[in-house]
């Protein structure tokens, strides 16, 4: 397959270098490599910096480390900073605690289409298996590995993906920030993530809502774009009510722009 679009992979992380290591190794062994990797670091400590620096020296793919001080959960802000640093046409957004199927990037490139953004799903790695993979630094995994569930999300039949692209298309809550892809210019048009949303939850839904309000179609990638999510305890969700209110305002007002977004980092490039 010939790669006809340039690709940035953006990977948020926070103080979990063991998981980030497996994630990066799975990116760097893809059947089609991205053109750049941008790590969106929400305030990790020195051990994460050392890991990234070590992998960067060996990688054939440029790795850019974007870091901000640890001041609470500011995922929207660090993603905006990473997007601003990106230079490629298409952004594939994952998380730093996932392991990618070998054809993950290939599948997303095949599925990309102008005028749309994409959300995928994930297979869950249960706690015991996650601990074993992290301790052994192994990222070889499939739906046949004992200790995975949501296995239907791991069936790889990319020839069927187009048949399922409208699955739950009108459900704005059905997006997975750990498995999304966008045209960079579309993100700039809606001013990226809304940084009024801090703490866990809904920042991906709110962004998706503004893209849809702009006329960008949501498409779901099934039977392709497969990833495995490493178990971790649930994060505090005390911010969800506030973020839900912002999301509802965006939906009700049909907003396409947020006031506090990516423009503050990209104005000098426009």
Protein backbone atom coordinates (compact mmCIF):
# COMPACT_ATOMS: atom_id res chain seq x y z
CA UNK A 1 0.00 0.00 0.00
CA UNK A 2 1.38 3.40 -1.00
CA UNK A 3 1.09 6.10 1.67
CA UNK A 4 -0.48 9.12 -0.01
CA UNK A 5 -0.93 11.35 3.06
CA UNK A 6 1.56 12.46 5.68
CA UNK A 7 0.77 11.34 9.22
CA UNK A 8 1.47 12.67 12.72
CA UNK A 9 0.77 10.34 15.63
CA UNK A 10 -0.02 12.22 18.85
CA UNK A 11 0.40 10.37 22.15
CA UNK A 12 -0.65 11.96 25.46
CA UNK A 13 1.14 10.65 28.55
CA UNK A 14 1.45 11.29 32.25
CA UNK A 15 3.93 9.57 34.59
CA UNK A 16 3.63 6.03 33.26
CA UNK A 17 6.83 5.36 31.28
CA UNK A 18 6.39 1.58 31.42
CA UNK A 19 3.14 1.80 29.44
CA UNK A 20 4.50 4.53 27.15
CA UNK A 21 7.43 2.27 26.28
CA UNK A 22 5.12 -0.51 25.05
CA UNK A 23 3.00 2.03 23.17
CA UNK A 24 5.99 3.58 21.40
CA UNK A 25 7.44 0.18 20.50
CA UNK A 26 4.12 -0.78 18.91
CA UNK A 27 4.13 2.48 16.91
CA UNK A 28 7.71 1.98 15.73
CA UNK A 29 7.00 -1.55 14.47
CA UNK A 30 3.97 -0.60 12.36
CA UNK A 31 3.63 -2.02 8.85
CA UNK A 32 3.46 1.61 7.69
CA UNK A 33 5.31 4.09 9.87
CA UNK A 34 4.05 7.59 10.66
CA UNK A 35 6.03 10.62 9.50
CA UNK A 36 6.39 11.96 13.03
CA UNK A 37 5.47 11.08 16.61
CA UNK A 38 4.52 13.83 19.02
CA UNK A 39 4.34 13.00 22.71
CA UNK A 40 1.92 15.29 24.56
CA UNK A 41 3.26 15.17 28.11
CA UNK A 42 1.00 16.61 30.83
CA UNK A 43 3.78 17.06 33.38
CA UNK A 44 5.62 13.74 33.68
CA UNK A 45 8.83 13.40 35.69
CA UNK A 46 12.40 12.66 34.68
CA UNK A 47 11.94 8.93 34.09
CA UNK A 48 9.51 9.64 31.25
CA UNK A 49 11.91 12.20 29.75
CA UNK A 50 14.76 9.66 29.91
CA UNK A 51 12.67 6.97 28.22
CA UNK A 52 11.62 9.28 25.40
CA UNK A 53 15.18 10.53 24.90
CA UNK A 54 16.50 6.97 24.75
CA UNK A 55 13.91 5.84 22.19
CA UNK A 56 14.34 9.05 20.19
CA UNK A 57 18.04 8.29 19.65
CA UNK A 58 17.21 4.90 18.09
CA UNK A 59 14.08 5.83 16.16
CA UNK A 60 13.99 6.32 12.40
CA UNK A 61 10.82 8.38 12.92
CA UNK A 62 11.22 11.91 14.35
CA UNK A 63 9.91 12.07 17.93
CA UNK A 64 8.92 15.45 19.38
CA UNK A 65 8.41 15.74 23.13
CA UNK A 66 5.97 18.51 24.12
CA UNK A 67 5.89 18.98 27.90
CA UNK A 68 3.98 21.24 30.27
CA UNK A 69 4.14 21.60 34.04
CA UNK A 70 2.01 19.29 36.17
CA UNK A 71 -0.94 21.43 37.25
CA UNK A 72 -3.76 18.92 37.32
CA UNK A 73 -5.42 17.06 34.45
CA UNK A 74 -5.00 19.39 31.44
CA UNK A 75 -5.35 16.98 28.55
CA UNK A 76 -7.08 19.48 26.25
CA UNK A 77 -4.25 21.96 26.63
CA UNK A 78 -1.38 19.53 26.06
CA UNK A 79 -3.14 18.04 23.04
CA UNK A 80 -3.50 21.54 21.57
CA UNK A 81 0.19 22.20 22.12
CA UNK A 82 1.06 18.91 20.43
CA UNK A 83 -1.25 19.59 17.47
CA UNK A 84 0.35 23.03 17.10
CA UNK A 85 3.77 21.36 16.87
CA UNK A 86 2.59 18.87 14.24
CA UNK A 87 3.44 19.46 10.61
CA UNK A 88 1.65 16.66 8.74
CA UNK A 89 -1.67 16.48 6.91
CA UNK A 90 -3.40 13.86 9.04
CA UNK A 91 -3.34 13.42 12.81
CA UNK A 92 -3.89 10.02 14.38
CA UNK A 93 -4.51 10.42 18.10
CA UNK A 94 -3.93 7.60 20.54
CA UNK A 95 -3.09 7.34 24.25
CA UNK A 96 0.17 6.44 25.96
CA UNK A 97 -1.33 3.33 27.56
CA UNK A 98 -2.31 1.42 24.42
CA UNK A 99 -0.65 -1.20 22.24
CA UNK A 100 -1.37 -0.98 18.53
CA UNK A 101 -2.18 -3.76 16.07
CA UNK A 102 0.64 -3.89 13.52
CA UNK A 103 -1.62 -2.45 10.77
CA UNK A 104 -3.19 0.27 12.92
CA UNK A 105 -1.71 3.19 10.98
CA UNK A 106 -2.14 1.44 7.64
CA UNK A 107 -5.84 0.92 8.42
CA UNK A 108 -6.36 4.55 9.40
CA UNK A 109 -4.67 5.81 6.24
CA UNK A 110 -6.84 3.54 4.11
CA UNK A 111 -9.97 4.75 5.91
CA UNK A 112 -9.15 8.49 5.81
CA UNK A 113 -11.46 10.67 3.75
CA UNK A 114 -11.71 14.42 3.34
CA UNK A 115 -14.64 16.05 5.10
CA UNK A 116 -14.66 13.54 7.94
CA UNK A 117 -13.00 12.56 11.19
CA UNK A 118 -12.74 9.06 12.61
CA UNK A 119 -13.27 7.34 15.93
CA UNK A 120 -12.37 3.74 16.65
CA UNK A 121 -12.64 1.31 19.55
CA UNK A 122 -10.33 -0.76 21.74
CA UNK A 123 -9.77 -4.19 23.22
CA UNK A 124 -9.29 -4.16 27.00
CA UNK A 125 -6.23 -5.76 28.60
CA UNK A 126 -7.17 -7.07 32.04
CA UNK A 127 -5.10 -6.33 35.14
CA UNK A 128 -3.12 -9.57 35.44
CA UNK A 129 -2.14 -9.63 31.77
CA UNK A 130 -1.30 -5.91 31.86
CA UNK A 131 1.07 -6.45 34.79
CA UNK A 132 2.76 -9.32 32.95
CA UNK A 133 3.24 -7.32 29.74
CA UNK A 134 4.58 -4.28 31.60
CA UNK A 135 7.03 -6.28 33.69
CA UNK A 136 8.31 -8.26 30.69
CA UNK A 137 8.24 -5.22 28.37
CA UNK A 138 6.39 -7.34 25.83
CA UNK A 139 3.84 -5.91 23.42
CA UNK A 140 2.92 -9.02 21.44
CA UNK A 141 -0.81 -9.41 21.97
CA UNK A 142 -3.97 -10.42 20.10
CA UNK A 143 -7.60 -11.19 20.84
CA UNK A 144 -6.50 -14.79 21.35
CA UNK A 145 -4.28 -13.80 24.29
CA UNK A 146 -5.80 -14.88 27.60
CA UNK A 147 -6.67 -11.82 29.65
CA UNK A 148 -8.28 -9.64 26.98
CA UNK A 149 -11.95 -8.75 26.68
CA UNK A 150 -14.16 -6.73 24.32
CA UNK A 151 -12.66 -9.13 21.81
CA UNK A 152 -15.14 -8.23 19.05
CA UNK A 153 -13.36 -4.88 18.85
CA UNK A 154 -10.21 -6.74 17.86
CA UNK A 155 -11.50 -8.59 14.79
CA UNK A 156 -9.34 -7.44 11.87
CA UNK A 157 -11.29 -7.47 8.60
CA UNK A 158 -10.54 -4.05 7.06
CA UNK A 159 -12.38 -4.92 3.85
CA UNK A 160 -15.61 -4.64 5.90
CA UNK A 161 -14.81 -1.29 7.56
CA UNK A 162 -16.76 0.83 5.12
CA UNK A 163 -19.94 -1.17 5.86
CA UNK A 164 -19.90 -0.03 9.51
CA UNK A 165 -18.74 3.58 9.20
CA UNK A 166 -22.15 5.03 10.14
CA UNK A 167 -22.42 2.93 13.33
CA UNK A 168 -23.84 5.17 16.11
CA UNK A 169 -23.05 8.13 13.91
CA UNK A 170 -25.54 10.44 15.66
CA UNK A 171 -24.42 9.54 19.20
CA UNK A 172 -22.03 12.35 20.18
CA UNK A 173 -20.99 10.43 23.30
CA UNK A 174 -19.70 7.58 21.13
CA UNK A 175 -16.15 8.69 20.44
CA UNK A 176 -12.91 7.33 21.87
CA UNK A 177 -10.18 9.91 22.36
CA UNK A 178 -7.61 7.12 22.50
CA UNK A 179 -8.43 6.14 18.91
CA UNK A 180 -9.32 9.11 16.73
CA UNK A 181 -8.04 10.64 13.51
CA UNK A 182 -8.50 14.09 11.99
CA UNK A 183 -7.30 16.27 9.15
CA UNK A 184 -5.09 18.85 10.83
CA UNK A 185 -6.72 21.72 8.97
CA UNK A 186 -10.15 20.70 10.31
CA UNK A 187 -8.82 20.91 13.86
CA UNK A 188 -7.47 24.39 13.18
CA UNK A 189 -10.84 25.45 11.75
CA UNK A 190 -12.62 24.68 15.05
CA UNK A 191 -9.75 25.97 17.25
CA UNK A 192 -8.77 22.53 18.49
CA UNK A 193 -9.62 21.32 21.97
CA UNK A 194 -11.56 23.50 24.40
CA UNK A 195 -9.19 24.27 27.27
CA UNK A 196 -12.08 25.37 29.48
CA UNK A 197 -12.51 21.62 29.97
CA UNK A 198 -10.11 20.44 32.66
CA UNK A 199 -10.14 17.22 34.62
CA UNK A 200 -11.32 13.92 33.17
CA UNK A 201 -14.03 13.66 30.59
CA UNK A 202 -15.92 14.92 27.54
CA UNK A 203 -13.17 16.95 25.88
CA UNK A 204 -13.21 14.57 22.90
CA UNK A 205 -17.01 14.69 22.63
CA UNK A 206 -17.03 18.48 22.71
CA UNK A 207 -14.41 18.68 19.96
CA UNK A 208 -16.37 16.16 17.92
CA UNK A 209 -19.53 18.23 18.35
CA UNK A 210 -17.87 21.36 16.96
CA UNK A 211 -16.46 19.43 14.01
CA UNK A 212 -19.93 18.04 13.25
CA UNK A 213 -21.44 21.53 13.59
CA UNK A 214 -18.92 22.68 10.99
CA UNK A 215 -20.12 19.97 8.61
CA UNK A 216 -17.33 17.45 9.21
CA UNK A 217 -18.79 13.94 9.25
CA UNK A 218 -18.13 11.50 12.08
CA UNK A 219 -17.17 8.05 10.81
CA UNK A 220 -16.55 4.94 12.90
CA UNK A 221 -13.76 2.53 12.03
CA UNK A 222 -14.66 -1.08 12.77
CA UNK A 223 -12.74 -4.29 11.95
CA UNK A 224 -9.61 -2.12 11.57
CA UNK A 225 -7.62 0.49 13.47
CA UNK A 226 -7.32 -1.97 16.36
CA UNK A 227 -5.68 -1.18 19.67
CA UNK A 228 -5.34 -2.82 23.07
CA UNK A 229 -5.85 -0.67 26.18
CA UNK A 230 -3.64 -1.46 29.18
CA UNK A 231 -5.57 -1.79 32.43
CA UNK A 232 -5.30 1.01 34.98
CA UNK A 233 -7.54 2.10 37.89
CA UNK A 234 -10.37 4.49 37.03
CA UNK A 235 -9.41 8.15 37.19
CA UNK A 236 -11.39 10.59 39.39
CA UNK A 237 -14.43 11.94 37.54
CA UNK A 238 -15.28 14.95 39.69
CA UNK A 239 -15.07 17.28 36.68
CA UNK A 240 -17.59 15.46 34.49
CA UNK A 241 -20.61 17.56 35.48
CA UNK A 242 -18.84 20.82 34.62
CA UNK A 243 -17.55 19.41 31.35
CA UNK A 244 -20.98 17.99 30.51
CA UNK A 245 -22.39 21.50 30.82
CA UNK A 246 -19.81 22.85 28.35
CA UNK A 247 -20.58 20.00 25.97
CA UNK A 248 -24.31 20.67 26.17
CA UNK A 249 -23.75 24.37 25.47
CA UNK A 250 -21.77 23.46 22.35
CA UNK A 251 -24.51 21.12 21.14
CA UNK A 252 -27.33 23.57 21.86
CA UNK A 253 -25.62 26.61 20.33
CA UNK A 254 -24.24 24.61 17.36
CA UNK A 255 -20.86 26.20 18.08
CA UNK A 256 -17.97 25.59 15.69
CA UNK A 257 -15.34 27.54 17.65
CA UNK A 258 -14.13 27.64 21.25
CA UNK A 259 -12.63 30.75 22.80
CA UNK A 260 -9.70 29.10 24.54
CA UNK A 261 -8.20 26.73 22.00
CA UNK A 262 -5.28 26.03 19.72
CA UNK A 263 -5.05 29.49 18.13
CA UNK A 264 -3.01 30.78 21.07
CA UNK A 265 -0.19 28.42 19.99
CA UNK A 266 -0.54 28.68 16.19
CA UNK A 267 -1.21 32.35 15.47
CA UNK A 268 2.43 32.96 14.56
CA UNK A 269 2.18 30.17 11.94
CA UNK A 270 -0.98 31.36 10.21
